Amino acid sequence: MFIRETRLDDAENLINLIKEVESNSDFMLMGAGERKTTAEQQRKQIKSIHEQYNSTIFVAEKEGELIGYLIAIGGNAERKQHVAYLIIGILDEHRGKGIGTGLFQNVIDWAKKQSLSRLELTVVTQNEAGVALYKKNGFDIEGIKRNSLVINGEFFDEYYMAKLL
């Protein structure tokens, strides 16, 4: 397995990976088939993210196939430029094999080099594996967003988690 920042030519494979992760998880923001992003739109998004010093996308690659991603979206407002919001996704068959930890190590190292001082994310409270991964990588629960998501007609809470660098 190899972890690296995305390139423009990753656009089609990345959007396909994101859609596959969303179709196989009840804990992502978007559900199966909901995301309509095209490869060209994804390419433009990658380009835009790379133009911001406080944003990036890391991908995990195995035998030429993308199997996981971690997106860091930096704040635009001057008062939030020290913060990046994180979104992670890993294919089901590759979970529990250290990929999430590897992605987090890369984004934490990157964030320190960019002089960011805070990484944050949200996670459905029932996503025990996700919460454990985030805690393992130094994230703390800062609060609860009650009835934050509706999944299959049922309300779910989310933890608001952050890591100070």
C-alpha atoms as a PDB file:
ATOM      1  CA  MET A   1       0.000   0.000   0.000  1.00  0.00           C
ATOM      2  CA  PHE A   2       1.170   3.497  -0.871  1.00  0.00           C
ATOM      3  CA  ILE A   3      -0.242   6.816   0.385  1.00  0.00           C
ATOM      4  CA  ARG A   4       0.176   9.999  -1.618  1.00  0.00           C
ATOM      5  CA  GLU A   5      -1.501  13.285  -2.456  1.00  0.00           C
ATOM      6  CA  THR A   6      -3.887  13.221  -5.390  1.00  0.00           C
ATOM      7  CA  ARG A   7      -3.040  14.230  -8.935  1.00  0.00           C
ATOM      8  CA  LEU A   8      -5.392  15.623 -11.559  1.00  0.00           C
ATOM      9  CA  ASP A   9      -5.343  12.300 -13.397  1.00  0.00           C
ATOM     10  CA  ASP A  10      -6.831  10.630 -10.272  1.00  0.00           C
ATOM     11  CA  ALA A  11     -10.162  12.402 -10.793  1.00  0.00           C
ATOM     12  CA  GLU A  12     -12.165   9.552 -12.338  1.00  0.00           C
ATOM     13  CA  ASN A  13     -10.775   6.889 -10.008  1.00  0.00           C
ATOM     14  CA  LEU A  14     -11.278   9.130  -6.968  1.00  0.00           C
ATOM     15  CA  ILE A  15     -14.908   9.959  -7.695  1.00  0.00           C
ATOM     16  CA  ASN A  16     -15.599   6.271  -8.383  1.00  0.00           C
ATOM     17  CA  LEU A  17     -13.958   5.386  -5.046  1.00  0.00           C
ATOM     18  CA  ILE A  18     -15.980   8.005  -3.165  1.00  0.00           C
ATOM     19  CA  LYS A  19     -19.221   6.754  -4.731  1.00  0.00           C
ATOM     20  CA  GLU A  20     -18.357   3.134  -3.908  1.00  0.00           C
ATOM     21  CA  VAL A  21     -17.557   3.986  -0.269  1.00  0.00           C
ATOM     22  CA  GLU A  22     -20.832   5.920   0.012  1.00  0.00           C
ATOM     23  CA  SER A  23     -22.817   3.037  -1.494  1.00  0.00           C
ATOM     24  CA  ASN A  24     -21.462   0.595   1.103  1.00  0.00           C
ATOM     25  CA  SER A  25     -21.660   2.702   4.270  1.00  0.00           C
ATOM     26  CA  ASP A  26     -24.545   3.924   6.380  1.00  0.00           C
ATOM     27  CA  PHE A  27     -22.303   6.493   8.048  1.00  0.00           C
ATOM     28  CA  MET A  28     -21.295   8.793   5.171  1.00  0.00           C
ATOM     29  CA  LEU A  29     -23.035  12.138   4.594  1.00  0.00           C
ATOM     30  CA  MET A  30     -24.354  11.052   1.192  1.00  0.00           C
ATOM     31  CA  GLY A  31     -26.066   7.758   0.563  1.00  0.00           C
ATOM     32  CA  ALA A  32     -25.806   5.291  -2.311  1.00  0.00           C
ATOM     33  CA  GLY A  33     -26.354   6.972  -5.681  1.00  0.00           C
ATOM     34  CA  GLU A  34     -26.890  10.421  -4.194  1.00  0.00           C
ATOM     35  CA  ARG A  35     -23.603  11.974  -5.381  1.00  0.00           C
ATOM     36  CA  LYS A  36     -23.800  13.147  -9.002  1.00  0.00           C
ATOM     37  CA  THR A  37     -20.246  14.488  -9.379  1.00  0.00           C
ATOM     38  CA  THR A  38     -18.652  13.738 -12.748  1.00  0.00           C
ATOM     39  CA  ALA A  39     -14.984  12.950 -13.370  1.00  0.00           C
ATOM     40  CA  GLU A  40     -14.524  16.419 -14.907  1.00  0.00           C
ATOM     41  CA  GLN A  41     -16.124  18.104 -11.899  1.00  0.00           C
ATOM     42  CA  GLN A  42     -13.874  16.042  -9.618  1.00  0.00           C
ATOM     43  CA  ARG A  43     -10.817  17.088 -11.630  1.00  0.00           C
ATOM     44  CA  LYS A  44     -11.779  20.754 -11.145  1.00  0.00           C
ATOM     45  CA  GLN A  45     -12.269  20.139  -7.428  1.00  0.00           C
ATOM     46  CA  ILE A  46      -8.834  18.512  -7.115  1.00  0.00           C
ATOM     47  CA  LYS A  47      -7.294  21.475  -8.951  1.00  0.00           C
ATOM     48  CA  SER A  48      -9.087  23.955  -6.678  1.00  0.00           C
ATOM     49  CA  ILE A  49      -8.046  22.085  -3.528  1.00  0.00           C
ATOM     50  CA  HIS A  50      -4.412  21.995  -4.644  1.00  0.00           C
ATOM     51  CA  GLU A  51      -4.466  25.779  -5.118  1.00  0.00           C
ATOM     52  CA  GLN A  52      -5.203  26.259  -1.393  1.00  0.00           C
ATOM     53  CA  TYR A  53      -2.289  25.889   1.011  1.00  0.00           C
ATOM     54  CA  ASN A  54      -4.587  24.565   3.748  1.00  0.00           C
ATOM     55  CA  SER A  55      -6.437  21.903   1.727  1.00  0.00           C
ATOM     56  CA  THR A  56      -5.384  18.587   0.187  1.00  0.00           C
ATOM     57  CA  ILE A  57      -6.513  15.072  -0.637  1.00  0.00           C
ATOM     58  CA  PHE A  58      -4.535  11.961   0.246  1.00  0.00           C
ATOM     59  CA  VAL A  59      -5.273   8.612  -1.359  1.00  0.00           C
ATOM     60  CA  ALA A  60      -4.248   5.081  -0.425  1.00  0.00           C
ATOM     61  CA  GLU A  61      -3.276   3.016  -3.429  1.00  0.00           C
ATOM     62  CA  LYS A  62      -2.728  -0.735  -3.671  1.00  0.00           C
ATOM     63  CA  GLU A  63      -1.570  -2.398  -6.880  1.00  0.00           C
ATOM     64  CA  GLY A  64      -2.626   0.666  -8.895  1.00  0.00           C
ATOM     65  CA  GLU A  65      -6.132   0.800  -7.382  1.00  0.00           C
ATOM     66  CA  LEU A  66      -7.355   3.585  -5.082  1.00  0.00           C
ATOM     67  CA  ILE A  67      -8.698   1.984  -1.912  1.00  0.00           C
ATOM     68  CA  GLY A  68      -9.038   4.920   0.495  1.00  0.00           C
ATOM     69  CA  TYR A  69      -9.011   8.705   0.704  1.00  0.00           C
ATOM     70  CA  LEU A  70      -8.732  11.485   3.235  1.00  0.00           C
ATOM     71  CA  ILE A  71      -9.851  14.974   2.193  1.00  0.00           C
ATOM     72  CA  ALA A  72      -8.702  18.022   4.191  1.00  0.00           C
ATOM     73  CA  ILE A  73     -10.696  21.177   3.499  1.00  0.00           C
ATOM     74  CA  GLY A  74      -9.114  24.317   4.916  1.00  0.00           C
ATOM     75  CA  GLY A  75     -11.029  27.307   6.147  1.00  0.00           C
ATOM     76  CA  ASN A  76     -11.406  30.255   3.766  1.00  0.00           C
ATOM     77  CA  ALA A  77     -12.090  32.987   6.316  1.00  0.00           C
ATOM     78  CA  GLU A  78      -8.978  34.545   7.820  1.00  0.00           C
ATOM     79  CA  ARG A  79     -10.074  33.455  11.281  1.00  0.00           C
ATOM     80  CA  LYS A  80     -10.423  29.807  10.175  1.00  0.00           C
ATOM     81  CA  GLN A  81      -7.359  29.369   7.956  1.00  0.00           C
ATOM     82  CA  HIS A  82      -5.566  27.430  10.706  1.00  0.00           C
ATOM     83  CA  VAL A  83      -8.259  24.707  10.592  1.00  0.00           C
ATOM     84  CA  ALA A  84      -8.969  21.845   8.190  1.00  0.00           C
ATOM     85  CA  TYR A  85     -12.129  19.744   8.160  1.00  0.00           C
ATOM     86  CA  LEU A  86     -11.482  16.063   7.372  1.00  0.00           C
ATOM     87  CA  ILE A  87     -13.472  13.476   5.428  1.00  0.00           C
ATOM     88  CA  ILE A  88     -12.228   9.884   5.223  1.00  0.00           C
ATOM     89  CA  GLY A  89     -13.410   6.853   3.305  1.00  0.00           C
ATOM     90  CA  ILE A  90     -11.954   3.361   2.886  1.00  0.00           C
ATOM     91  CA  LEU A  91     -13.328   0.460   0.858  1.00  0.00           C
ATOM     92  CA  ASP A  92     -14.988  -2.149   3.095  1.00  0.00           C
ATOM     93  CA  GLU A  93     -12.595  -4.959   2.238  1.00  0.00           C
ATOM     94  CA  HIS A  94      -9.583  -2.827   3.197  1.00  0.00           C
ATOM     95  CA  ARG A  95     -10.815  -1.542   6.578  1.00  0.00           C
ATOM     96  CA  GLY A  96      -9.028  -2.584   9.742  1.00  0.00           C
ATOM     97  CA  LYS A  97      -5.684  -2.990   7.969  1.00  0.00           C
ATOM     98  CA  GLY A  98      -3.929   0.236   9.000  1.00  0.00           C
ATOM     99  CA  ILE A  99      -4.984   2.311   5.993  1.00  0.00           C
ATOM    100  CA  GLY A 100      -6.936   4.826   8.078  1.00  0.00           C
ATOM    101  CA  THR A 101      -4.019   5.245  10.450  1.00  0.00           C
ATOM    102  CA  GLY A 102      -1.665   5.731   7.498  1.00  0.00           C
ATOM    103  CA  LEU A 103      -3.931   8.358   5.956  1.00  0.00           C
ATOM    104  CA  PHE A 104      -4.161  10.197   9.284  1.00  0.00           C
ATOM    105  CA  GLN A 105      -0.385  10.121   9.814  1.00  0.00           C
ATOM    106  CA  ASN A 106       0.082  11.677   6.381  1.00  0.00           C
ATOM    107  CA  VAL A 107      -2.513  14.393   6.869  1.00  0.00           C
ATOM    108  CA  ILE A 108      -1.209  15.253  10.352  1.00  0.00           C
ATOM    109  CA  ASP A 109       2.360  15.582   9.044  1.00  0.00           C
ATOM    110  CA  TRP A 110       1.094  17.665   6.114  1.00  0.00           C
ATOM    111  CA  ALA A 111      -0.994  19.918   8.409  1.00  0.00           C
ATOM    112  CA  LYS A 112       1.987  20.636  10.645  1.00  0.00           C
ATOM    113  CA  LYS A 113       4.075  21.626   7.601  1.00  0.00           C
ATOM    114  CA  GLN A 114       1.268  23.961   6.526  1.00  0.00           C
ATOM    115  CA  SER A 115       1.223  25.542  10.030  1.00  0.00           C
ATOM    116  CA  LEU A 116      -2.327  24.403  10.691  1.00  0.00           C
ATOM    117  CA  SER A 117      -3.154  24.019  14.350  1.00  0.00           C
ATOM    118  CA  ARG A 118      -6.501  22.223  14.329  1.00  0.00           C
ATOM    119  CA  LEU A 119      -8.008  19.269  12.461  1.00  0.00           C
ATOM    120  CA  GLU A 120     -11.700  18.531  12.912  1.00  0.00           C
ATOM    121  CA  LEU A 121     -14.361  16.091  11.757  1.00  0.00           C
ATOM    122  CA  THR A 122     -17.776  14.711  12.576  1.00  0.00           C
ATOM    123  CA  VAL A 123     -18.724  11.060  12.998  1.00  0.00           C
ATOM    124  CA  VAL A 124     -22.011   9.261  13.612  1.00  0.00           C
ATOM    125  CA  THR A 125     -21.988   8.236  17.280  1.00  0.00           C
ATOM    126  CA  GLN A 126     -22.837   4.620  16.365  1.00  0.00           C
ATOM    127  CA  ASN A 127     -19.780   4.370  14.077  1.00  0.00           C
ATOM    128  CA  GLU A 128     -17.671   2.657  16.729  1.00  0.00           C
ATOM    129  CA  ALA A 129     -14.837   1.731  14.339  1.00  0.00           C
ATOM    130  CA  GLY A 130     -14.598   5.332  13.110  1.00  0.00           C
ATOM    131  CA  VAL A 131     -14.630   6.786  16.625  1.00  0.00           C
ATOM    132  CA  ALA A 132     -11.923   4.314  17.683  1.00  0.00           C
ATOM    133  CA  LEU A 133      -9.760   5.238  14.662  1.00  0.00           C
ATOM    134  CA  TYR A 134     -10.085   8.955  15.375  1.00  0.00           C
ATOM    135  CA  LYS A 135      -9.312   8.546  19.080  1.00  0.00           C
ATOM    136  CA  LYS A 136      -6.307   6.352  18.200  1.00  0.00           C
ATOM    137  CA  ASN A 137      -5.009   9.241  16.100  1.00  0.00           C
ATOM    138  CA  GLY A 138      -5.386  11.812  18.873  1.00  0.00           C
ATOM    139  CA  PHE A 139      -8.843  13.240  18.197  1.00  0.00           C
ATOM    140  CA  ASP A 140     -11.047  14.139  21.153  1.00  0.00           C
ATOM    141  CA  ILE A 141     -14.824  14.373  21.322  1.00  0.00           C
ATOM    142  CA  GLU A 142     -15.736  18.030  21.787  1.00  0.00           C
ATOM    143  CA  GLY A 143     -19.500  17.783  21.565  1.00  0.00           C
ATOM    144  CA  ILE A 144     -22.570  16.085  20.162  1.00  0.00           C
ATOM    145  CA  LYS A 145     -24.659  17.286  17.233  1.00  0.00           C
ATOM    146  CA  ARG A 146     -28.090  15.893  18.117  1.00  0.00           C
ATOM    147  CA  ASN A 147     -30.362  14.621  15.327  1.00  0.00           C
ATOM    148  CA  SER A 148     -27.668  15.715  12.893  1.00  0.00           C
ATOM    149  CA  LEU A 149     -28.413  13.176  10.145  1.00  0.00           C
ATOM    150  CA  VAL A 150     -31.442  11.248   8.936  1.00  0.00           C
ATOM    151  CA  ILE A 151     -30.413   7.788   7.706  1.00  0.00           C
ATOM    152  CA  ASN A 152     -33.120   5.450   6.435  1.00  0.00           C
ATOM    153  CA  GLY A 153     -35.752   7.604   8.126  1.00  0.00           C
ATOM    154  CA  GLU A 154     -34.069   7.530  11.547  1.00  0.00           C
ATOM    155  CA  PHE A 155     -32.311  10.402  13.335  1.00  0.00           C
ATOM    156  CA  PHE A 156     -28.647   9.970  14.262  1.00  0.00           C
ATOM    157  CA  ASP A 157     -26.356  12.044  16.441  1.00  0.00           C
ATOM    158  CA  GLU A 158     -22.801  12.925  15.466  1.00  0.00           C
ATOM    159  CA  TYR A 159     -19.760  13.539  17.607  1.00  0.00           C
ATOM    160  CA  TYR A 160     -17.829  16.675  16.819  1.00  0.00           C
ATOM    161  CA  MET A 161     -14.153  15.670  17.162  1.00  0.00           C
ATOM    162  CA  ALA A 162     -10.893  17.600  16.849  1.00  0.00           C
ATOM    163  CA  LYS A 163      -7.156  17.276  17.226  1.00  0.00           C
ATOM    164  CA  LEU A 164      -4.985  20.229  18.184  1.00  0.00           C
ATOM    165  CA  LEU A 165      -1.534  20.194  16.622  1.00  0.00           C
END
